[in-house]
Amino acid sequence: MPLELSAESFEELVTEELDALADEIVERLDNVIFVVDDISPDNDMSLMGVYDGIALTERAQYGFGELPDRIILFRLPLLDACATLDELREQVHITLVHEIAHFYGLTDDELDALGWA
């Protein structure tokens, strides 16, 4: 049975997990916002998060006036995959690190090799 958590409580949990990430993971994040949606636009229950932006490794010029990159976590798939609050915290942590890694330019294959895919 999937875990149940209100949208507000889920966002608080995501904020707590983001705040708990190591400084070296978040220190170079620039012009990135974190968003929580219920589910991906195509209703994919297997998609827990997505990075929407241009990875640091692919940027030529980036500066004033650029729209922020987004890291989006999808609440319903994350809740569906977890039976306990501890499992949810762990999966949110993994998803945040995975999507932040895409910001830094790591591919899914590289993340898989590191055990984060």
PDB file of N, CA and C in Angstrom:
ATOM      1  N   MET A   1       0.850  -1.187   0.000  1.00  0.00           N
ATOM      2  CA  MET A   1       0.000   0.000   0.000  1.00  0.00           C
ATOM      3  C   MET A   1       0.892   1.244   0.000  1.00  0.00           C
ATOM      4  N   PRO A   2       0.652   2.165  -0.924  1.00  0.00           N
ATOM      5  CA  PRO A   2       1.479   3.363  -0.991  1.00  0.00           C
ATOM      6  C   PRO A   2       1.310   4.247   0.252  1.00  0.00           C
ATOM      7  N   LEU A   3       2.333   4.978   0.528  1.00  0.00           N
ATOM      8  CA  LEU A   3       2.334   5.932   1.628  1.00  0.00           C
ATOM      9  C   LEU A   3       1.442   7.111   1.262  1.00  0.00           C
ATOM     10  N   GLU A   4       0.782   7.675   2.257  1.00  0.00           N
ATOM     11  CA  GLU A   4      -0.044   8.864   2.022  1.00  0.00           C
ATOM     12  C   GLU A   4       0.564  10.034   2.779  1.00  0.00           C
ATOM     13  N   LEU A   5       0.646  11.180   2.092  1.00  0.00           N
ATOM     14  CA  LEU A   5       1.205  12.387   2.683  1.00  0.00           C
ATOM     15  C   LEU A   5       0.649  13.575   1.913  1.00  0.00           C
ATOM     16  N   SER A   6       0.180  14.578   2.626  1.00  0.00           N
ATOM     17  CA  SER A   6      -0.378  15.753   1.957  1.00  0.00           C
ATOM     18  C   SER A   6       0.699  16.456   1.130  1.00  0.00           C
ATOM     19  N   ALA A   7       0.258  17.234   0.182  1.00  0.00           N
ATOM     20  CA  ALA A   7       1.188  17.984  -0.668  1.00  0.00           C
ATOM     21  C   ALA A   7       2.058  18.906   0.179  1.00  0.00           C
ATOM     22  N   GLU A   8       1.468  19.558   1.155  1.00  0.00           N
ATOM     23  CA  GLU A   8       2.220  20.470   2.028  1.00  0.00           C
ATOM     24  C   GLU A   8       3.270  19.711   2.845  1.00  0.00           C
ATOM     25  N   SER A   9       2.892  18.593   3.431  1.00  0.00           N
ATOM     26  CA  SER A   9       3.840  17.792   4.212  1.00  0.00           C
ATOM     27  C   SER A   9       4.944  17.228   3.333  1.00  0.00           C
ATOM     28  N   PHE A  10       4.600  16.836   2.120  1.00  0.00           N
ATOM     29  CA  PHE A  10       5.592  16.322   1.191  1.00  0.00           C
ATOM     30  C   PHE A  10       6.610  17.403   0.843  1.00  0.00           C
ATOM     31  N   GLU A  11       6.138  18.611   0.561  1.00  0.00           N
ATOM     32  CA  GLU A  11       7.044  19.717   0.242  1.00  0.00           C
ATOM     33  C   GLU A  11       7.967  20.025   1.418  1.00  0.00           C
ATOM     34  N   GLU A  12       7.453  19.952   2.629  1.00  0.00           N
ATOM     35  CA  GLU A  12       8.290  20.160   3.818  1.00  0.00           C
ATOM     36  C   GLU A  12       9.379  19.089   3.899  1.00  0.00           C
ATOM     37  N   LEU A  13       9.022  17.840   3.613  1.00  0.00           N
ATOM     38  CA  LEU A  13       9.988  16.752   3.634  1.00  0.00           C
ATOM     39  C   LEU A  13      11.066  16.973   2.576  1.00  0.00           C
ATOM     40  N   VAL A  14      10.680  17.392   1.390  1.00  0.00           N
ATOM     41  CA  VAL A  14      11.643  17.661   0.320  1.00  0.00           C
ATOM     42  C   VAL A  14      12.592  18.778   0.751  1.00  0.00           C
ATOM     43  N   THR A  15      12.064  19.831   1.351  1.00  0.00           N
ATOM     44  CA  THR A  15      12.897  20.934   1.825  1.00  0.00           C
ATOM     45  C   THR A  15      13.886  20.448   2.886  1.00  0.00           C
ATOM     46  N   GLU A  16      13.427  19.621   3.799  1.00  0.00           N
ATOM     47  CA  GLU A  16      14.309  19.069   4.828  1.00  0.00           C
ATOM     48  C   GLU A  16      15.429  18.236   4.207  1.00  0.00           C
ATOM     49  N   GLU A  17      15.094  17.412   3.226  1.00  0.00           N
ATOM     50  CA  GLU A  17      16.100  16.571   2.580  1.00  0.00           C
ATOM     51  C   GLU A  17      17.069  17.406   1.751  1.00  0.00           C
ATOM     52  N   LEU A  18      16.577  18.452   1.121  1.00  0.00           N
ATOM     53  CA  LEU A  18      17.453  19.349   0.365  1.00  0.00           C
ATOM     54  C   LEU A  18      18.418  20.056   1.315  1.00  0.00           C
ATOM     55  N   ASP A  19      17.914  20.524   2.440  1.00  0.00           N
ATOM     56  CA  ASP A  19      18.760  21.193   3.432  1.00  0.00           C
ATOM     57  C   ASP A  19      19.801  20.248   4.026  1.00  0.00           C
ATOM     58  N   ALA A  20      19.507  18.954   4.049  1.00  0.00           N
ATOM     59  CA  ALA A  20      20.415  17.971   4.644  1.00  0.00           C
ATOM     60  C   ALA A  20      21.507  17.499   3.682  1.00  0.00           C
ATOM     61  N   LEU A  21      21.421  17.868   2.412  1.00  0.00           N
ATOM     62  CA  LEU A  21      22.440  17.446   1.449  1.00  0.00           C
ATOM     63  C   LEU A  21      23.788  18.076   1.795  1.00  0.00           C
ATOM     64  N   ALA A  22      24.838  17.356   1.488  1.00  0.00           N
ATOM     65  CA  ALA A  22      26.191  17.840   1.746  1.00  0.00           C
ATOM     66  C   ALA A  22      26.459  19.123   0.964  1.00  0.00           C
ATOM     67  N   ASP A  23      27.234  20.005   1.569  1.00  0.00           N
ATOM     68  CA  ASP A  23      27.553  21.289   0.936  1.00  0.00           C
ATOM     69  C   ASP A  23      28.172  21.115  -0.440  1.00  0.00           C
ATOM     70  N   GLU A  24      29.049  20.116  -0.603  1.00  0.00           N
ATOM     71  CA  GLU A  24      29.716  19.942  -1.896  1.00  0.00           C
ATOM     72  C   GLU A  24      28.750  19.548  -3.008  1.00  0.00           C
ATOM     73  N   ILE A  25      27.581  19.053  -2.658  1.00  0.00           N
ATOM     74  CA  ILE A  25      26.572  18.700  -3.665  1.00  0.00           C
ATOM     75  C   ILE A  25      25.833  19.950  -4.140  1.00  0.00           C
ATOM     76  N   VAL A  26      25.571  20.874  -3.236  1.00  0.00           N
ATOM     77  CA  VAL A  26      24.719  22.018  -3.566  1.00  0.00           C
ATOM     78  C   VAL A  26      25.461  23.336  -3.749  1.00  0.00           C
ATOM     79  N   GLU A  27      26.746  23.382  -3.417  1.00  0.00           N
ATOM     80  CA  GLU A  27      27.439  24.669  -3.409  1.00  0.00           C
ATOM     81  C   GLU A  27      27.548  25.331  -4.780  1.00  0.00           C
ATOM     82  N   ARG A  28      27.547  24.573  -5.863  1.00  0.00           N
ATOM     83  CA  ARG A  28      27.664  25.171  -7.202  1.00  0.00           C
ATOM     84  C   ARG A  28      26.322  25.316  -7.922  1.00  0.00           C
ATOM     85  N   LEU A  29      25.247  24.973  -7.247  1.00  0.00           N
ATOM     86  CA  LEU A  29      23.929  25.158  -7.854  1.00  0.00           C
ATOM     87  C   LEU A  29      23.673  26.655  -7.980  1.00  0.00           C
ATOM     88  N   ASP A  30      23.420  27.085  -9.191  1.00  0.00           N
ATOM     89  CA  ASP A  30      23.187  28.494  -9.440  1.00  0.00           C
ATOM     90  C   ASP A  30      22.000  28.623 -10.375  1.00  0.00           C
ATOM     91  N   ASN A  31      21.052  29.466  -9.989  1.00  0.00           N
ATOM     92  CA  ASN A  31      19.871  29.713 -10.806  1.00  0.00           C
ATOM     93  C   ASN A  31      19.083  28.425 -11.045  1.00  0.00           C
ATOM     94  N   VAL A  32      18.896  27.661  -9.966  1.00  0.00           N
ATOM     95  CA  VAL A  32      18.138  26.413 -10.004  1.00  0.00           C
ATOM     96  C   VAL A  32      17.011  26.515  -8.983  1.00  0.00           C
ATOM     97  N   ILE A  33      15.812  26.152  -9.402  1.00  0.00           N
ATOM     98  CA  ILE A  33      14.693  26.095  -8.465  1.00  0.00           C
ATOM     99  C   ILE A  33      14.252  24.646  -8.325  1.00  0.00           C
ATOM    100  N   PHE A  34      13.704  24.342  -7.169  1.00  0.00           N
ATOM    101  CA  PHE A  34      13.182  23.013  -6.884  1.00  0.00           C
ATOM    102  C   PHE A  34      11.669  23.111  -6.819  1.00  0.00           C
ATOM    103  N   VAL A  35      11.021  22.196  -7.536  1.00  0.00           N
ATOM    104  CA  VAL A  35       9.570  22.221  -7.681  1.00  0.00           C
ATOM    105  C   VAL A  35       9.028  20.840  -7.342  1.00  0.00           C
ATOM    106  N   VAL A  36       7.834  20.812  -6.756  1.00  0.00           N
ATOM    107  CA  VAL A  36       7.131  19.551  -6.526  1.00  0.00           C
ATOM    108  C   VAL A  36       5.838  19.587  -7.325  1.00  0.00           C
ATOM    109  N   ASP A  37       5.636  18.575  -8.153  1.00  0.00           N
ATOM    110  CA  ASP A  37       4.375  18.372  -8.867  1.00  0.00           C
ATOM    111  C   ASP A  37       3.830  17.013  -8.453  1.00  0.00           C
ATOM    112  N   ASP A  38       2.542  16.811  -8.652  1.00  0.00           N
ATOM    113  CA  ASP A  38       1.955  15.518  -8.304  1.00  0.00           C
ATOM    114  C   ASP A  38       2.486  14.396  -9.185  1.00  0.00           C
ATOM    115  N   ILE A  39       2.550  14.660 -10.492  1.00  0.00           N
ATOM    116  CA  ILE A  39       2.950  13.614 -11.438  1.00  0.00           C
ATOM    117  C   ILE A  39       3.462  14.284 -12.708  1.00  0.00           C
ATOM    118  N   SER A  40       4.246  13.557 -13.490  1.00  0.00           N
ATOM    119  CA  SER A  40       4.780  14.116 -14.734  1.00  0.00           C
ATOM    120  C   SER A  40       3.643  14.435 -15.705  1.00  0.00           C
ATOM    121  N   PRO A  41       3.888  15.336 -16.657  1.00  0.00           N
ATOM    122  CA  PRO A  41       2.839  15.705 -17.615  1.00  0.00           C
ATOM    123  C   PRO A  41       2.254  14.520 -18.389  1.00  0.00           C
ATOM    124  N   ASP A  42       3.055  13.459 -18.580  1.00  0.00           N
ATOM    125  CA  ASP A  42       2.529  12.292 -19.303  1.00  0.00           C
ATOM    126  C   ASP A  42       2.034  11.196 -18.353  1.00  0.00           C
ATOM    127  N   ASN A  43       1.829  11.552 -17.078  1.00  0.00           N
ATOM    128  CA  ASN A  43       1.291  10.624 -16.070  1.00  0.00           C
ATOM    129  C   ASN A  43       2.123   9.363 -15.893  1.00  0.00           C
ATOM    130  N   ASP A  44       3.430   9.492 -16.005  1.00  0.00           N
ATOM    131  CA  ASP A  44       4.356   8.366 -15.862  1.00  0.00           C
ATOM    132  C   ASP A  44       4.630   8.114 -14.375  1.00  0.00           C
ATOM    133  N   MET A  45       4.044   7.055 -13.845  1.00  0.00           N
ATOM    134  CA  MET A  45       4.206   6.746 -12.424  1.00  0.00           C
ATOM    135  C   MET A  45       5.584   6.172 -12.094  1.00  0.00           C
ATOM    136  N   SER A  46       6.402   5.907 -13.098  1.00  0.00           N
ATOM    137  CA  SER A  46       7.759   5.428 -12.822  1.00  0.00           C
ATOM    138  C   SER A  46       8.766   6.574 -12.735  1.00  0.00           C
ATOM    139  N   LEU A  47       8.353   7.780 -13.126  1.00  0.00           N
ATOM    140  CA  LEU A  47       9.242   8.940 -13.126  1.00  0.00           C
ATOM    141  C   LEU A  47       9.098   9.688 -11.801  1.00  0.00           C
ATOM    142  N   MET A  48      10.176   9.677 -11.004  1.00  0.00           N
ATOM    143  CA  MET A  48      10.134  10.292  -9.678  1.00  0.00           C
ATOM    144  C   MET A  48      10.663  11.718  -9.671  1.00  0.00           C
ATOM    145  N   GLY A  49      11.451  12.055 -10.679  1.00  0.00           N
ATOM    146  CA  GLY A  49      11.989  13.398 -10.757  1.00  0.00           C
ATOM    147  C   GLY A  49      12.572  13.655 -12.120  1.00  0.00           C
ATOM    148  N   VAL A  50      12.839  14.928 -12.398  1.00  0.00           N
ATOM    149  CA  VAL A  50      13.418  15.302 -13.679  1.00  0.00           C
ATOM    150  C   VAL A  50      14.207  16.601 -13.510  1.00  0.00           C
ATOM    151  N   TYR A  51      15.301  16.679 -14.259  1.00  0.00           N
ATOM    152  CA  TYR A  51      16.064  17.925 -14.342  1.00  0.00           C
ATOM    153  C   TYR A  51      15.677  18.600 -15.649  1.00  0.00           C
ATOM    154  N   ASP A  52      15.247  19.839 -15.568  1.00  0.00           N
ATOM    155  CA  ASP A  52      14.829  20.612 -16.734  1.00  0.00           C
ATOM    156  C   ASP A  52      15.742  21.824 -16.849  1.00  0.00           C
ATOM    157  N   GLY A  53      16.740  21.728 -17.719  1.00  0.00           N
ATOM    158  CA  GLY A  53      17.670  22.832 -17.875  1.00  0.00           C
ATOM    159  C   GLY A  53      18.834  22.449 -18.759  1.00  0.00           C
ATOM    160  N   ILE A  54      19.871  23.246 -18.687  1.00  0.00           N
ATOM    161  CA  ILE A  54      21.085  23.004 -19.464  1.00  0.00           C
ATOM    162  C   ILE A  54      22.201  22.671 -18.478  1.00  0.00           C
ATOM    163  N   ALA A  55      22.742  21.474 -18.590  1.00  0.00           N
ATOM    164  CA  ALA A  55      23.791  21.026 -17.676  1.00  0.00           C
ATOM    165  C   ALA A  55      25.000  21.950 -17.753  1.00  0.00           C
ATOM    166  N   LEU A  56      25.712  22.049 -16.638  1.00  0.00           N
ATOM    167  CA  LEU A  56      26.904  22.898 -16.602  1.00  0.00           C
ATOM    168  C   LEU A  56      27.893  22.552 -17.697  1.00  0.00           C
ATOM    169  N   THR A  57      28.004  21.283 -18.025  1.00  0.00           N
ATOM    170  CA  THR A  57      28.964  20.836 -19.036  1.00  0.00           C
ATOM    171  C   THR A  57      28.560  21.224 -20.448  1.00  0.00           C
ATOM    172  N   GLU A  58      27.316  21.668 -20.648  1.00  0.00           N
ATOM    173  CA  GLU A  58      26.825  22.006 -21.980  1.00  0.00           C
ATOM    174  C   GLU A  58      26.586  23.501 -22.173  1.00  0.00           C
ATOM    175  N   ARG A  59      26.880  24.286 -21.164  1.00  0.00           N
ATOM    176  CA  ARG A  59      26.612  25.718 -21.248  1.00  0.00           C
ATOM    177  C   ARG A  59      27.758  26.443 -21.918  1.00  0.00           C
ATOM    178  N   ALA A  60      27.419  27.285 -22.864  1.00  0.00           N
ATOM    179  CA  ALA A  60      28.433  28.137 -23.482  1.00  0.00           C
ATOM    180  C   ALA A  60      28.499  29.432 -22.675  1.00  0.00           C
ATOM    181  N   GLN A  61      27.446  30.215 -22.767  1.00  0.00           N
ATOM    182  CA  GLN A  61      27.332  31.419 -21.967  1.00  0.00           C
ATOM    183  C   GLN A  61      26.056  31.309 -21.171  1.00  0.00           C
ATOM    184  N   TYR A  62      26.135  31.747 -19.969  1.00  0.00           N
ATOM    185  CA  TYR A  62      24.984  31.681 -19.085  1.00  0.00           C
ATOM    186  C   TYR A  62      25.084  32.868 -18.163  1.00  0.00           C
ATOM    187  N   GLY A  63      24.066  33.665 -18.138  1.00  0.00           N
ATOM    188  CA  GLY A  63      24.209  34.840 -17.297  1.00  0.00           C
ATOM    189  C   GLY A  63      22.893  35.492 -16.977  1.00  0.00           C
ATOM    190  N   PHE A  64      22.969  36.770 -16.766  1.00  0.00           N
ATOM    191  CA  PHE A  64      21.833  37.567 -16.348  1.00  0.00           C
ATOM    192  C   PHE A  64      20.664  37.409 -17.316  1.00  0.00           C
ATOM    193  N   GLY A  65      19.490  37.258 -16.753  1.00  0.00           N
ATOM    194  CA  GLY A  65      18.291  37.181 -17.565  1.00  0.00           C
ATOM    195  C   GLY A  65      17.889  35.781 -17.981  1.00  0.00           C
ATOM    196  N   GLU A  66      18.703  34.785 -17.656  1.00  0.00           N
ATOM    197  CA  GLU A  66      18.362  33.401 -18.008  1.00  0.00           C
ATOM    198  C   GLU A  66      17.274  32.889 -17.060  1.00  0.00           C
ATOM    199  N   LEU A  67      16.335  32.151 -17.615  1.00  0.00           N
ATOM    200  CA  LEU A  67      15.344  31.494 -16.766  1.00  0.00           C
ATOM    201  C   LEU A  67      16.054  30.441 -15.929  1.00  0.00           C
ATOM    202  N   PRO A  68      15.573  30.200 -14.722  1.00  0.00           N
ATOM    203  CA  PRO A  68      16.244  29.197 -13.893  1.00  0.00           C
ATOM    204  C   PRO A  68      16.017  27.781 -14.411  1.00  0.00           C
ATOM    205  N   ASP A  69      17.010  26.937 -14.173  1.00  0.00           N
ATOM    206  CA  ASP A  69      16.821  25.507 -14.382  1.00  0.00           C
ATOM    207  C   ASP A  69      15.871  25.024 -13.294  1.00  0.00           C
ATOM    208  N   ARG A  70      15.241  23.875 -13.557  1.00  0.00           N
ATOM    209  CA  ARG A  70      14.301  23.337 -12.567  1.00  0.00           C
ATOM    210  C   ARG A  70      14.630  21.881 -12.269  1.00  0.00           C
ATOM    211  N   ILE A  71      14.524  21.539 -11.017  1.00  0.00           N
ATOM    212  CA  ILE A  71      14.550  20.141 -10.601  1.00  0.00           C
ATOM    213  C   ILE A  71      13.169  19.878 -10.029  1.00  0.00           C
ATOM    214  N   ILE A  72      12.477  18.944 -10.663  1.00  0.00           N
ATOM    215  CA  ILE A  72      11.088  18.670 -10.304  1.00  0.00           C
ATOM    216  C   ILE A  72      10.997  17.278  -9.688  1.00  0.00           C
ATOM    217  N   LEU A  73      10.394  17.205  -8.518  1.00  0.00           N
ATOM    218  CA  LEU A  73      10.109  15.917  -7.890  1.00  0.00           C
ATOM    219  C   LEU A  73       8.619  15.644  -8.018  1.00  0.00           C
ATOM    220  N   PHE A  74       8.282  14.397  -8.338  1.00  0.00           N
ATOM    221  CA  PHE A  74       6.889  14.017  -8.544  1.00  0.00           C
ATOM    222  C   PHE A  74       6.376  13.247  -7.330  1.00  0.00           C
ATOM    223  N   ARG A  75       5.463  13.863  -6.617  1.00  0.00           N
ATOM    224  CA  ARG A  75       4.968  13.379  -5.336  1.00  0.00           C
ATOM    225  C   ARG A  75       4.301  12.006  -5.413  1.00  0.00           C
ATOM    226  N   LEU A  76       3.368  11.825  -6.310  1.00  0.00           N
ATOM    227  CA  LEU A  76       2.600  10.570  -6.342  1.00  0.00           C
ATOM    228  C   LEU A  76       3.462   9.346  -6.653  1.00  0.00           C
ATOM    229  N   PRO A  77       4.346   9.389  -7.650  1.00  0.00           N
ATOM    230  CA  PRO A  77       5.216   8.228  -7.871  1.00  0.00           C
ATOM    231  C   PRO A  77       6.144   7.948  -6.685  1.00  0.00           C
ATOM    232  N   LEU A  78       6.645   8.997  -6.053  1.00  0.00           N
ATOM    233  CA  LEU A  78       7.502   8.794  -4.882  1.00  0.00           C
ATOM    234  C   LEU A  78       6.715   8.152  -3.749  1.00  0.00           C
ATOM    235  N   LEU A  79       5.516   8.636  -3.510  1.00  0.00           N
ATOM    236  CA  LEU A  79       4.679   8.035  -2.461  1.00  0.00           C
ATOM    237  C   LEU A  79       4.316   6.595  -2.809  1.00  0.00           C
ATOM    238  N   ASP A  80       4.031   6.345  -4.073  1.00  0.00           N
ATOM    239  CA  ASP A  80       3.641   5.012  -4.525  1.00  0.00           C
ATOM    240  C   ASP A  80       4.757   3.988  -4.323  1.00  0.00           C
ATOM    241  N   ALA A  81       6.006   4.443  -4.397  1.00  0.00           N
ATOM    242  CA  ALA A  81       7.154   3.547  -4.292  1.00  0.00           C
ATOM    243  C   ALA A  81       7.558   3.261  -2.848  1.00  0.00           C
ATOM    244  N   CYS A  82       6.947   3.948  -1.898  1.00  0.00           N
ATOM    245  CA  CYS A  82       7.394   3.857  -0.507  1.00  0.00           C
ATOM    246  C   CYS A  82       6.270   3.423   0.425  1.00  0.00           C
ATOM    247  N   ALA A  83       6.634   2.587   1.400  1.00  0.00           N
ATOM    248  CA  ALA A  83       5.659   2.121   2.379  1.00  0.00           C
ATOM    249  C   ALA A  83       5.795   2.838   3.716  1.00  0.00           C
ATOM    250  N   THR A  84       6.956   3.449   3.955  1.00  0.00           N
ATOM    251  CA  THR A  84       7.186   4.133   5.231  1.00  0.00           C
ATOM    252  C   THR A  84       7.767   5.519   4.979  1.00  0.00           C
ATOM    253  N   LEU A  85       7.702   6.346   6.000  1.00  0.00           N
ATOM    254  CA  LEU A  85       8.263   7.682   5.902  1.00  0.00           C
ATOM    255  C   LEU A  85       9.780   7.631   5.732  1.00  0.00           C
ATOM    256  N   ASP A  86      10.437   6.680   6.391  1.00  0.00           N
ATOM    257  CA  ASP A  86      11.886   6.536   6.230  1.00  0.00           C
ATOM    258  C   ASP A  86      12.255   6.162   4.795  1.00  0.00           C
ATOM    259  N   GLU A  87      11.487   5.259   4.185  1.00  0.00           N
ATOM    260  CA  GLU A  87      11.725   4.908   2.781  1.00  0.00           C
ATOM    261  C   GLU A  87      11.535   6.130   1.889  1.00  0.00           C
ATOM    262  N   LEU A  88      10.512   6.923   2.185  1.00  0.00           N
ATOM    263  CA  LEU A  88      10.252   8.122   1.379  1.00  0.00           C
ATOM    264  C   LEU A  88      11.409   9.100   1.496  1.00  0.00           C
ATOM    265  N   ARG A  89      11.892   9.329   2.700  1.00  0.00           N
ATOM    266  CA  ARG A  89      13.032  10.236   2.885  1.00  0.00           C
ATOM    267  C   ARG A  89      14.240   9.751   2.070  1.00  0.00           C
ATOM    268  N   GLU A  90      14.502   8.459   2.120  1.00  0.00           N
ATOM    269  CA  GLU A  90      15.622   7.894   1.376  1.00  0.00           C
ATOM    270  C   GLU A  90      15.429   8.074  -0.129  1.00  0.00           C
ATOM    271  N   GLN A  91      14.231   7.807  -0.621  1.00  0.00           N
ATOM    272  CA  GLN A  91      13.978   7.922  -2.061  1.00  0.00           C
ATOM    273  C   GLN A  91      14.012   9.376  -2.517  1.00  0.00           C
ATOM    274  N   VAL A  92      13.520  10.296  -1.703  1.00  0.00           N
ATOM    275  CA  VAL A  92      13.608  11.724  -2.036  1.00  0.00           C
ATOM    276  C   VAL A  92      15.076  12.142  -2.091  1.00  0.00           C
ATOM    277  N   HIS A  93      15.876  11.681  -1.139  1.00  0.00           N
ATOM    278  CA  HIS A  93      17.312  11.973  -1.128  1.00  0.00           C
ATOM    279  C   HIS A  93      17.968  11.469  -2.418  1.00  0.00           C
ATOM    280  N   ILE A  94      17.701  10.223  -2.765  1.00  0.00           N
ATOM    281  CA  ILE A  94      18.275   9.621  -3.976  1.00  0.00           C
ATOM    282  C   ILE A  94      17.843  10.410  -5.211  1.00  0.00           C
ATOM    283  N   THR A  95      16.577  10.771  -5.278  1.00  0.00           N
ATOM    284  CA  THR A  95      16.057  11.504  -6.434  1.00  0.00           C
ATOM    285  C   THR A  95      16.687  12.891  -6.533  1.00  0.00           C
ATOM    286  N   LEU A  96      16.817  13.585  -5.411  1.00  0.00           N
ATOM    287  CA  LEU A  96      17.468  14.896  -5.424  1.00  0.00           C
ATOM    288  C   LEU A  96      18.903  14.790  -5.925  1.00  0.00           C
ATOM    289  N   VAL A  97      19.665  13.841  -5.388  1.00  0.00           N
ATOM    290  CA  VAL A  97      21.059  13.680  -5.802  1.00  0.00           C
ATOM    291  C   VAL A  97      21.129  13.330  -7.284  1.00  0.00           C
ATOM    292  N   HIS A  98      20.252  12.448  -7.736  1.00  0.00           N
ATOM    293  CA  HIS A  98      20.218  12.038  -9.143  1.00  0.00           C
ATOM    294  C   HIS A  98      19.982  13.244 -10.056  1.00  0.00           C
ATOM    295  N   GLU A  99      18.985  14.053  -9.737  1.00  0.00           N
ATOM    296  CA  GLU A  99      18.652  15.190 -10.606  1.00  0.00           C
ATOM    297  C   GLU A  99      19.695  16.294 -10.506  1.00  0.00           C
ATOM    298  N   ILE A 100      20.266  16.518  -9.337  1.00  0.00           N
ATOM    299  CA  ILE A 100      21.351  17.490  -9.202  1.00  0.00           C
ATOM    300  C   ILE A 100      22.559  17.028 -10.012  1.00  0.00           C
ATOM    301  N   ALA A 101      22.803  15.728 -10.049  1.00  0.00           N
ATOM    302  CA  ALA A 101      23.909  15.190 -10.845  1.00  0.00           C
ATOM    303  C   ALA A 101      23.706  15.507 -12.327  1.00  0.00           C
ATOM    304  N   HIS A 102      22.470  15.479 -12.800  1.00  0.00           N
ATOM    305  CA  HIS A 102      22.200  15.870 -14.189  1.00  0.00           C
ATOM    306  C   HIS A 102      22.544  17.350 -14.402  1.00  0.00           C
ATOM    307  N   PHE A 103      22.282  18.197 -13.425  1.00  0.00           N
ATOM    308  CA  PHE A 103      22.670  19.606 -13.515  1.00  0.00           C
ATOM    309  C   PHE A 103      24.178  19.727 -13.729  1.00  0.00           C
ATOM    310  N   TYR A 104      24.939  18.869 -13.037  1.00  0.00           N
ATOM    311  CA  TYR A 104      26.396  18.891 -13.158  1.00  0.00           C
ATOM    312  C   TYR A 104      26.899  18.187 -14.424  1.00  0.00           C
ATOM    313  N   GLY A 105      25.984  17.574 -15.181  1.00  0.00           N
ATOM    314  CA  GLY A 105      26.361  16.994 -16.466  1.00  0.00           C
ATOM    315  C   GLY A 105      26.517  15.491 -16.481  1.00  0.00           C
ATOM    316  N   LEU A 106      26.235  14.805 -15.386  1.00  0.00           N
ATOM    317  CA  LEU A 106      26.337  13.352 -15.385  1.00  0.00           C
ATOM    318  C   LEU A 106      25.151  12.740 -16.131  1.00  0.00           C
ATOM    319  N   THR A 107      25.411  11.704 -16.903  1.00  0.00           N
ATOM    320  CA  THR A 107      24.368  11.009 -17.659  1.00  0.00           C
ATOM    321  C   THR A 107      23.776   9.886 -16.801  1.00  0.00           C
ATOM    322  N   ASP A 108      22.678   9.321 -17.269  1.00  0.00           N
ATOM    323  CA  ASP A 108      22.083   8.182 -16.558  1.00  0.00           C
ATOM    324  C   ASP A 108      23.050   7.001 -16.510  1.00  0.00           C
ATOM    325  N   ASP A 109      23.815   6.773 -17.585  1.00  0.00           N
ATOM    326  CA  ASP A 109      24.794   5.678 -17.589  1.00  0.00           C
ATOM    327  C   ASP A 109      25.871   5.899 -16.531  1.00  0.00           C
ATOM    328  N   GLU A 110      26.352   7.127 -16.428  1.00  0.00           N
ATOM    329  CA  GLU A 110      27.355   7.432 -15.408  1.00  0.00           C
ATOM    330  C   GLU A 110      26.779   7.298 -13.997  1.00  0.00           C
ATOM    331  N   LEU A 111      25.540   7.736 -13.824  1.00  0.00           N
ATOM    332  CA  LEU A 111      24.883   7.587 -12.523  1.00  0.00           C
ATOM    333  C   LEU A 111      24.662   6.121 -12.191  1.00  0.00           C
ATOM    334  N   ASP A 112      24.321   5.327 -13.182  1.00  0.00           N
ATOM    335  CA  ASP A 112      24.136   3.885 -12.978  1.00  0.00           C
ATOM    336  C   ASP A 112      25.451   3.251 -12.518  1.00  0.00           C
ATOM    337  N   ALA A 113      26.543   3.625 -13.146  1.00  0.00           N
ATOM    338  CA  ALA A 113      27.855   3.095 -12.758  1.00  0.00           C
ATOM    339  C   ALA A 113      28.211   3.478 -11.324  1.00  0.00           C
ATOM    340  N   LEU A 114      27.724   4.624 -10.895  1.00  0.00           N
ATOM    341  CA  LEU A 114      27.985   5.077  -9.520  1.00  0.00           C
ATOM    342  C   LEU A 114      26.947   4.550  -8.523  1.00  0.00           C
ATOM    343  N   GLY A 115      25.913   3.858  -9.036  1.00  0.00           N
ATOM    344  CA  GLY A 115      24.867   3.318  -8.166  1.00  0.00           C
ATOM    345  C   GLY A 115      23.753   4.289  -7.850  1.00  0.00           C
ATOM    346  N   TRP A 116      23.601   5.360  -8.642  1.00  0.00           N
ATOM    347  CA  TRP A 116      22.588   6.392  -8.384  1.00  0.00           C
ATOM    348  C   TRP A 116      21.508   6.455  -9.460  1.00  0.00           C
ATOM    349  N   ALA A 117      21.435   5.489 -10.349  1.00  0.00           N
ATOM    350  CA  ALA A 117      20.413   5.535 -11.406  1.00  0.00           C
ATOM    351  C   ALA A 117      19.200   4.717 -11.030  1.00  0.00           C
TER     352      ALA A 117
END
